[in-house]
Amino acid sequence: MEYISERIINAAELETLVRAAYYDIAALREEIERESPSMEKVDELSKQLHMRLLQAKDFEFCVERRRTFSKGEFRSQFPEGNH
């Protein structure tokens, strides 16, 4: 019997981008709430946030597909294309 499974192998990269964007927005918000915010810092943070969000928007998932063959008790795994 043949089984096919898939998994995303680069999800951690997207999580890293989203986490960095979260920290950027927190820093931006903190700067804006100051009594006299630095417009240079606000500009720098907003550009950095913009770039991270563009990277996240255009992120391409890498999907690994595995084919598993089973004969009774015996199971072997071969990544697709390597058998």
Foldseek 3Di string as FASTA:
>chain_A
DKDKDKDFDCVVVLVVLVVVLVVLVVVLVVQVPDPDHDVVSNVVSVVVSVVSVVCNVPPDTDMWMKMWDDDPPDIDIDTPPGD
